[in-house]
Amino acid sequence: MIKVISINERGTLTLPKELRDRLGIMAAGQVVVEETSDGLLLRPGVTVPVEIYSAQRLAEFNLSNDTALDGFKLKQ
């Protein structure tokens, strides 16, 4: 599919609805733009939140795991 898309004075462009629907790009979605030797490559994108665990949070996980596994531990 080849489409000509206008860019407004703020640099914003609008992807045609048919293309957004086909690629699963929702309102307020994201697109990854990559500069290549052939020009610009646009791909659907997503942001995934990342949690960085503190020592206290890791200790909570360990305690939870130990409690959950109590019935499965081998007796020595």
PDB file of N, CA and C in Angstrom:
ATOM      1  N   MET A   1       0.845  -1.166   0.000  1.00  0.00           N
ATOM      2  CA  MET A   1       0.000   0.000   0.000  1.00  0.00           C
ATOM      3  C   MET A   1       0.895   1.235   0.000  1.00  0.00           C
ATOM      4  N   ILE A   2       0.634   2.141  -0.885  1.00  0.00           N
ATOM      5  CA  ILE A   2       1.357   3.411  -0.937  1.00  0.00           C
ATOM      6  C   ILE A   2       0.358   4.527  -0.724  1.00  0.00           C
ATOM      7  N   LYS A   3       0.624   5.385   0.231  1.00  0.00           N
ATOM      8  CA  LYS A   3      -0.232   6.531   0.545  1.00  0.00           C
ATOM      9  C   LYS A   3       0.641   7.763   0.683  1.00  0.00           C
ATOM     10  N   VAL A   4       0.115   8.880   0.287  1.00  0.00           N
ATOM     11  CA  VAL A   4       0.783  10.163   0.514  1.00  0.00           C
ATOM     12  C   VAL A   4       0.127  10.776   1.739  1.00  0.00           C
ATOM     13  N   ILE A   5       0.949  11.131   2.725  1.00  0.00           N
ATOM     14  CA  ILE A   5       0.444  11.670   3.989  1.00  0.00           C
ATOM     15  C   ILE A   5       1.023  13.061   4.175  1.00  0.00           C
ATOM     16  N   SER A   6       0.150  14.008   4.479  1.00  0.00           N
ATOM     17  CA  SER A   6       0.601  15.384   4.725  1.00  0.00           C
ATOM     18  C   SER A   6       1.118  15.526   6.150  1.00  0.00           C
ATOM     19  N   ILE A   7       2.077  16.399   6.325  1.00  0.00           N
ATOM     20  CA  ILE A   7       2.611  16.714   7.646  1.00  0.00           C
ATOM     21  C   ILE A   7       2.253  18.162   7.939  1.00  0.00           C
ATOM     22  N   ASN A   8       1.646  18.406   9.108  1.00  0.00           N
ATOM     23  CA  ASN A   8       1.232  19.774   9.428  1.00  0.00           C
ATOM     24  C   ASN A   8       2.414  20.602   9.934  1.00  0.00           C
ATOM     25  N   GLU A   9       2.153  21.847  10.271  1.00  0.00           N
ATOM     26  CA  GLU A   9       3.219  22.767  10.679  1.00  0.00           C
ATOM     27  C   GLU A   9       3.922  22.345  11.971  1.00  0.00           C
ATOM     28  N   ARG A  10       3.293  21.509  12.777  1.00  0.00           N
ATOM     29  CA  ARG A  10       3.914  21.008  14.004  1.00  0.00           C
ATOM     30  C   ARG A  10       4.706  19.723  13.764  1.00  0.00           C
ATOM     31  N   GLY A  11       4.690  19.221  12.514  1.00  0.00           N
ATOM     32  CA  GLY A  11       5.401  17.991  12.209  1.00  0.00           C
ATOM     33  C   GLY A  11       4.569  16.747  12.445  1.00  0.00           C
ATOM     34  N   THR A  12       3.286  16.926  12.728  1.00  0.00           N
ATOM     35  CA  THR A  12       2.397  15.796  12.997  1.00  0.00           C
ATOM     36  C   THR A  12       1.855  15.226  11.690  1.00  0.00           C
ATOM     37  N   LEU A  13       1.820  13.902  11.614  1.00  0.00           N
ATOM     38  CA  LEU A  13       1.193  13.270  10.462  1.00  0.00           C
ATOM     39  C   LEU A  13       0.104  12.334  10.956  1.00  0.00           C
ATOM     40  N   THR A  14      -0.867  12.059  10.102  1.00  0.00           N
ATOM     41  CA  THR A  14      -1.967  11.172  10.457  1.00  0.00           C
ATOM     42  C   THR A  14      -1.933   9.955   9.557  1.00  0.00           C
ATOM     43  N   LEU A  15      -1.851   8.785  10.175  1.00  0.00           N
ATOM     44  CA  LEU A  15      -1.890   7.546   9.403  1.00  0.00           C
ATOM     45  C   LEU A  15      -3.334   7.271   9.001  1.00  0.00           C
ATOM     46  N   PRO A  16      -3.571   6.848   7.773  1.00  0.00           N
ATOM     47  CA  PRO A  16      -4.935   6.553   7.335  1.00  0.00           C
ATOM     48  C   PRO A  16      -5.582   5.482   8.218  1.00  0.00           C
ATOM     49  N   LYS A  17      -6.883   5.622   8.466  1.00  0.00           N
ATOM     50  CA  LYS A  17      -7.619   4.709   9.333  1.00  0.00           C
ATOM     51  C   LYS A  17      -7.482   3.263   8.865  1.00  0.00           C
ATOM     52  N   GLU A  18      -7.566   3.040   7.571  1.00  0.00           N
ATOM     53  CA  GLU A  18      -7.438   1.687   7.012  1.00  0.00           C
ATOM     54  C   GLU A  18      -6.112   1.055   7.428  1.00  0.00           C
ATOM     55  N   LEU A  19      -5.049   1.816   7.397  1.00  0.00           N
ATOM     56  CA  LEU A  19      -3.725   1.330   7.776  1.00  0.00           C
ATOM     57  C   LEU A  19      -3.642   1.082   9.281  1.00  0.00           C
ATOM     58  N   ARG A  20      -4.153   2.029  10.081  1.00  0.00           N
ATOM     59  CA  ARG A  20      -4.146   1.849  11.545  1.00  0.00           C
ATOM     60  C   ARG A  20      -4.924   0.606  11.937  1.00  0.00           C
ATOM     61  N   ASP A  21      -6.090   0.405  11.314  1.00  0.00           N
ATOM     62  CA  ASP A  21      -6.911  -0.775  11.630  1.00  0.00           C
ATOM     63  C   ASP A  21      -6.175  -2.067  11.273  1.00  0.00           C
ATOM     64  N   ARG A  22      -5.562  -2.095  10.108  1.00  0.00           N
ATOM     65  CA  ARG A  22      -4.874  -3.296   9.639  1.00  0.00           C
ATOM     66  C   ARG A  22      -3.683  -3.646  10.525  1.00  0.00           C
ATOM     67  N   LEU A  23      -2.995  -2.612  11.040  1.00  0.00           N
ATOM     68  CA  LEU A  23      -1.811  -2.836  11.870  1.00  0.00           C
ATOM     69  C   LEU A  23      -2.113  -2.892  13.365  1.00  0.00           C
ATOM     70  N   GLY A  24      -3.372  -2.642  13.730  1.00  0.00           N
ATOM     71  CA  GLY A  24      -3.749  -2.689  15.142  1.00  0.00           C
ATOM     72  C   GLY A  24      -3.244  -1.514  15.941  1.00  0.00           C
ATOM     73  N   ILE A  25      -3.062  -0.371  15.289  1.00  0.00           N
ATOM     74  CA  ILE A  25      -2.612   0.834  15.993  1.00  0.00           C
ATOM     75  C   ILE A  25      -3.835   1.577  16.504  1.00  0.00           C
ATOM     76  N   MET A  26      -3.951   1.674  17.816  1.00  0.00           N
ATOM     77  CA  MET A  26      -5.115   2.306  18.449  1.00  0.00           C
ATOM     78  C   MET A  26      -4.869   3.795  18.678  1.00  0.00           C
ATOM     79  N   ALA A  27      -5.948   4.517  18.968  1.00  0.00           N
ATOM     80  CA  ALA A  27      -5.827   5.923  19.336  1.00  0.00           C
ATOM     81  C   ALA A  27      -4.899   6.018  20.533  1.00  0.00           C
ATOM     82  N   ALA A  28      -4.063   7.002  20.545  1.00  0.00           N
ATOM     83  CA  ALA A  28      -3.058   7.205  21.595  1.00  0.00           C
ATOM     84  C   ALA A  28      -2.024   6.081  21.600  1.00  0.00           C
ATOM     85  N   GLY A  29      -1.951   5.310  20.519  1.00  0.00           N
ATOM     86  CA  GLY A  29      -0.951   4.256  20.397  1.00  0.00           C
ATOM     87  C   GLY A  29       0.403   4.851  20.046  1.00  0.00           C
ATOM     88  N   GLN A  30       1.343   3.995  19.792  1.00  0.00           N
ATOM     89  CA  GLN A  30       2.692   4.447  19.482  1.00  0.00           C
ATOM     90  C   GLN A  30       3.186   3.801  18.194  1.00  0.00           C
ATOM     91  N   VAL A  31       4.071   4.520  17.517  1.00  0.00           N
ATOM     92  CA  VAL A  31       4.716   4.027  16.309  1.00  0.00           C
ATOM     93  C   VAL A  31       6.216   4.242  16.476  1.00  0.00           C
ATOM     94  N   VAL A  32       6.991   3.243  16.123  1.00  0.00           N
ATOM     95  CA  VAL A  32       8.448   3.349  16.164  1.00  0.00           C
ATOM     96  C   VAL A  32       8.906   3.835  14.793  1.00  0.00           C
ATOM     97  N   VAL A  33       9.725   4.884  14.765  1.00  0.00           N
ATOM     98  CA  VAL A  33      10.262   5.421  13.523  1.00  0.00           C
ATOM     99  C   VAL A  33      11.750   5.127  13.487  1.00  0.00           C
ATOM    100  N   GLU A  34      12.186   4.484  12.414  1.00  0.00           N
ATOM    101  CA  GLU A  34      13.600   4.141  12.264  1.00  0.00           C
ATOM    102  C   GLU A  34      14.098   4.713  10.941  1.00  0.00           C
ATOM    103  N   GLU A  35      15.202   5.408  11.004  1.00  0.00           N
ATOM    104  CA  GLU A  35      15.816   5.932   9.788  1.00  0.00           C
ATOM    105  C   GLU A  35      16.671   4.833   9.170  1.00  0.00           C
ATOM    106  N   THR A  36      16.411   4.532   7.900  1.00  0.00           N
ATOM    107  CA  THR A  36      17.180   3.518   7.185  1.00  0.00           C
ATOM    108  C   THR A  36      17.803   4.150   5.947  1.00  0.00           C
ATOM    109  N   SER A  37      18.627   3.412   5.254  1.00  0.00           N
ATOM    110  CA  SER A  37      19.232   3.938   4.031  1.00  0.00           C
ATOM    111  C   SER A  37      18.185   4.169   2.939  1.00  0.00           C
ATOM    112  N   ASP A  38      17.029   3.493   3.055  1.00  0.00           N
ATOM    113  CA  ASP A  38      15.946   3.671   2.089  1.00  0.00           C
ATOM    114  C   ASP A  38      14.979   4.779   2.469  1.00  0.00           C
ATOM    115  N   GLY A  39      15.071   5.294   3.680  1.00  0.00           N
ATOM    116  CA  GLY A  39      14.143   6.329   4.146  1.00  0.00           C
ATOM    117  C   GLY A  39      13.695   6.031   5.562  1.00  0.00           C
ATOM    118  N   LEU A  40      12.432   6.342   5.871  1.00  0.00           N
ATOM    119  CA  LEU A  40      11.894   6.105   7.203  1.00  0.00           C
ATOM    120  C   LEU A  40      11.088   4.812   7.233  1.00  0.00           C
ATOM    121  N   LEU A  41      11.282   4.044   8.274  1.00  0.00           N
ATOM    122  CA  LEU A  41      10.531   2.815   8.487  1.00  0.00           C
ATOM    123  C   LEU A  41       9.641   3.055   9.699  1.00  0.00           C
ATOM    124  N   LEU A  42       8.328   2.898   9.530  1.00  0.00           N
ATOM    125  CA  LEU A  42       7.371   3.046  10.622  1.00  0.00           C
ATOM    126  C   LEU A  42       6.861   1.669  11.009  1.00  0.00           C
ATOM    127  N   ARG A  43       6.878   1.381  12.323  1.00  0.00           N
ATOM    128  CA  ARG A  43       6.370   0.112  12.825  1.00  0.00           C
ATOM    129  C   ARG A  43       5.491   0.374  14.039  1.00  0.00           C
ATOM    130  N   PRO A  44       4.455  -0.458  14.246  1.00  0.00           N
ATOM    131  CA  PRO A  44       3.677  -0.322  15.476  1.00  0.00           C
ATOM    132  C   PRO A  44       4.601  -0.510  16.671  1.00  0.00           C
ATOM    133  N   GLY A  45       4.380   0.235  17.732  1.00  0.00           N
ATOM    134  CA  GLY A  45       5.220   0.139  18.916  1.00  0.00           C
ATOM    135  C   GLY A  45       4.388   0.000  20.169  1.00  0.00           C
ATOM    136  N   VAL A  46       5.062  -0.315  21.243  1.00  0.00           N
ATOM    137  CA  VAL A  46       4.398  -0.452  22.539  1.00  0.00           C
ATOM    138  C   VAL A  46       5.418  -0.106  23.623  1.00  0.00           C
ATOM    139  N   THR A  47       4.931   0.462  24.708  1.00  0.00           N
ATOM    140  CA  THR A  47       5.763   0.745  25.869  1.00  0.00           C
ATOM    141  C   THR A  47       5.331  -0.176  26.993  1.00  0.00           C
ATOM    142  N   VAL A  48       6.285  -0.847  27.592  1.00  0.00           N
ATOM    143  CA  VAL A  48       6.010  -1.772  28.686  1.00  0.00           C
ATOM    144  C   VAL A  48       6.613  -1.196  29.960  1.00  0.00           C
ATOM    145  N   PRO A  49       5.779  -1.021  30.987  1.00  0.00           N
ATOM    146  CA  PRO A  49       6.335  -0.489  32.232  1.00  0.00           C
ATOM    147  C   PRO A  49       7.320  -1.472  32.865  1.00  0.00           C
ATOM    148  N   VAL A  50       8.361  -0.933  33.442  1.00  0.00           N
ATOM    149  CA  VAL A  50       9.383  -1.749  34.085  1.00  0.00           C
ATOM    150  C   VAL A  50       9.471  -1.331  35.545  1.00  0.00           C
ATOM    151  N   GLU A  51       9.472  -2.318  36.419  1.00  0.00           N
ATOM    152  CA  GLU A  51       9.613  -2.036  37.842  1.00  0.00           C
ATOM    153  C   GLU A  51      11.009  -2.454  38.268  1.00  0.00           C
ATOM    154  N   ILE A  52      11.708  -1.554  38.914  1.00  0.00           N
ATOM    155  CA  ILE A  52      13.025  -1.877  39.460  1.00  0.00           C
ATOM    156  C   ILE A  52      12.813  -2.186  40.936  1.00  0.00           C
ATOM    157  N   TYR A  53      13.148  -3.405  41.319  1.00  0.00           N
ATOM    158  CA  TYR A  53      12.849  -3.865  42.668  1.00  0.00           C
ATOM    159  C   TYR A  53      13.887  -3.408  43.678  1.00  0.00           C
ATOM    160  N   SER A  54      13.399  -2.898  44.786  1.00  0.00           N
ATOM    161  CA  SER A  54      14.270  -2.532  45.896  1.00  0.00           C
ATOM    162  C   SER A  54      14.643  -3.806  46.654  1.00  0.00           C
ATOM    163  N   ALA A  55      15.637  -3.694  47.514  1.00  0.00           N
ATOM    164  CA  ALA A  55      16.046  -4.840  48.339  1.00  0.00           C
ATOM    165  C   ALA A  55      14.867  -5.307  49.200  1.00  0.00           C
ATOM    166  N   GLN A  56      14.073  -4.366  49.693  1.00  0.00           N
ATOM    167  CA  GLN A  56      12.908  -4.711  50.519  1.00  0.00           C
ATOM    168  C   GLN A  56      11.878  -5.494  49.704  1.00  0.00           C
ATOM    169  N   ARG A  57      11.638  -5.071  48.459  1.00  0.00           N
ATOM    170  CA  ARG A  57      10.663  -5.764  47.604  1.00  0.00           C
ATOM    171  C   ARG A  57      11.160  -7.170  47.263  1.00  0.00           C
ATOM    172  N   LEU A  58      12.456  -7.321  47.011  1.00  0.00           N
ATOM    173  CA  LEU A  58      13.014  -8.647  46.743  1.00  0.00           C
ATOM    174  C   LEU A  58      12.860  -9.567  47.957  1.00  0.00           C
ATOM    175  N   ALA A  59      13.055  -9.007  49.140  1.00  0.00           N
ATOM    176  CA  ALA A  59      12.872  -9.795  50.360  1.00  0.00           C
ATOM    177  C   ALA A  59      11.417 -10.250  50.494  1.00  0.00           C
ATOM    178  N   GLU A  60      10.468  -9.384  50.116  1.00  0.00           N
ATOM    179  CA  GLU A  60       9.045  -9.762  50.139  1.00  0.00           C
ATOM    180  C   GLU A  60       8.785 -10.926  49.187  1.00  0.00           C
ATOM    181  N   PHE A  61       9.374 -10.877  47.996  1.00  0.00           N
ATOM    182  CA  PHE A  61       9.209 -11.974  47.043  1.00  0.00           C
ATOM    183  C   PHE A  61       9.759 -13.275  47.616  1.00  0.00           C
ATOM    184  N   ASN A  62      10.963 -13.202  48.190  1.00  0.00           N
ATOM    185  CA  ASN A  62      11.581 -14.400  48.752  1.00  0.00           C
ATOM    186  C   ASN A  62      10.746 -14.993  49.876  1.00  0.00           C
ATOM    187  N   LEU A  63      10.217 -14.148  50.738  1.00  0.00           N
ATOM    188  CA  LEU A  63       9.374 -14.623  51.837  1.00  0.00           C
ATOM    189  C   LEU A  63       8.118 -15.277  51.288  1.00  0.00           C
ATOM    190  N   SER A  64       7.515 -14.650  50.301  1.00  0.00           N
ATOM    191  CA  SER A  64       6.313 -15.195  49.677  1.00  0.00           C
ATOM    192  C   SER A  64       6.600 -16.548  49.031  1.00  0.00           C
ATOM    193  N   ASN A  65       7.732 -16.647  48.346  1.00  0.00           N
ATOM    194  CA  ASN A  65       8.102 -17.920  47.715  1.00  0.00           C
ATOM    195  C   ASN A  65       8.338 -18.998  48.767  1.00  0.00           C
ATOM    196  N   ASP A  66       9.054 -18.646  49.835  1.00  0.00           N
ATOM    197  CA  ASP A  66       9.334 -19.618  50.891  1.00  0.00           C
ATOM    198  C   ASP A  66       8.038 -20.122  51.509  1.00  0.00           C
ATOM    199  N   THR A  67       7.112 -19.216  51.757  1.00  0.00           N
ATOM    200  CA  THR A  67       5.828 -19.585  52.356  1.00  0.00           C
ATOM    201  C   THR A  67       5.036 -20.485  51.414  1.00  0.00           C
ATOM    202  N   ALA A  68       5.003 -20.132  50.127  1.00  0.00           N
ATOM    203  CA  ALA A  68       4.243 -20.896  49.143  1.00  0.00           C
ATOM    204  C   ALA A  68       4.813 -22.300  48.937  1.00  0.00           C
ATOM    205  N   LEU A  69       6.123 -22.450  49.123  1.00  0.00           N
ATOM    206  CA  LEU A  69       6.786 -23.732  48.854  1.00  0.00           C
ATOM    207  C   LEU A  69       6.961 -24.597  50.097  1.00  0.00           C
ATOM    208  N   ASP A  70       6.486 -24.137  51.267  1.00  0.00           N
ATOM    209  CA  ASP A  70       6.672 -24.889  52.508  1.00  0.00           C
ATOM    210  C   ASP A  70       6.234 -26.339  52.392  1.00  0.00           C
ATOM    211  N   GLY A  71       5.101 -26.618  51.788  1.00  0.00           N
ATOM    212  CA  GLY A  71       4.601 -27.975  51.682  1.00  0.00           C
ATOM    213  C   GLY A  71       5.341 -28.844  50.687  1.00  0.00           C
ATOM    214  N   PHE A  72       6.219 -28.255  49.888  1.00  0.00           N
ATOM    215  CA  PHE A  72       6.900 -28.985  48.835  1.00  0.00           C
ATOM    216  C   PHE A  72       8.384 -29.219  49.110  1.00  0.00           C
ATOM    217  N   LYS A  73       8.873 -28.693  50.209  1.00  0.00           N
ATOM    218  CA  LYS A  73      10.295 -28.823  50.503  1.00  0.00           C
ATOM    219  C   LYS A  73      10.628 -30.259  50.912  1.00  0.00           C
ATOM    220  N   LEU A  74      11.803 -30.741  50.464  1.00  0.00           N
ATOM    221  CA  LEU A  74      12.258 -32.080  50.824  1.00  0.00           C
ATOM    222  C   LEU A  74      12.719 -32.093  52.269  1.00  0.00           C
ATOM    223  N   LYS A  75      12.336 -33.126  52.977  1.00  0.00           N
ATOM    224  CA  LYS A  75      12.766 -33.264  54.367  1.00  0.00           C
ATOM    225  C   LYS A  75      14.084 -34.013  54.386  1.00  0.00           C
ATOM    226  N   GLN A  76      14.994 -33.519  55.177  1.00  0.00           N
ATOM    227  CA  GLN A  76      16.339 -34.129  55.232  1.00  0.00           C
ATOM    228  C   GLN A  76      16.529 -34.907  56.494  1.00  0.00           C
TER     229      GLN A  76
END
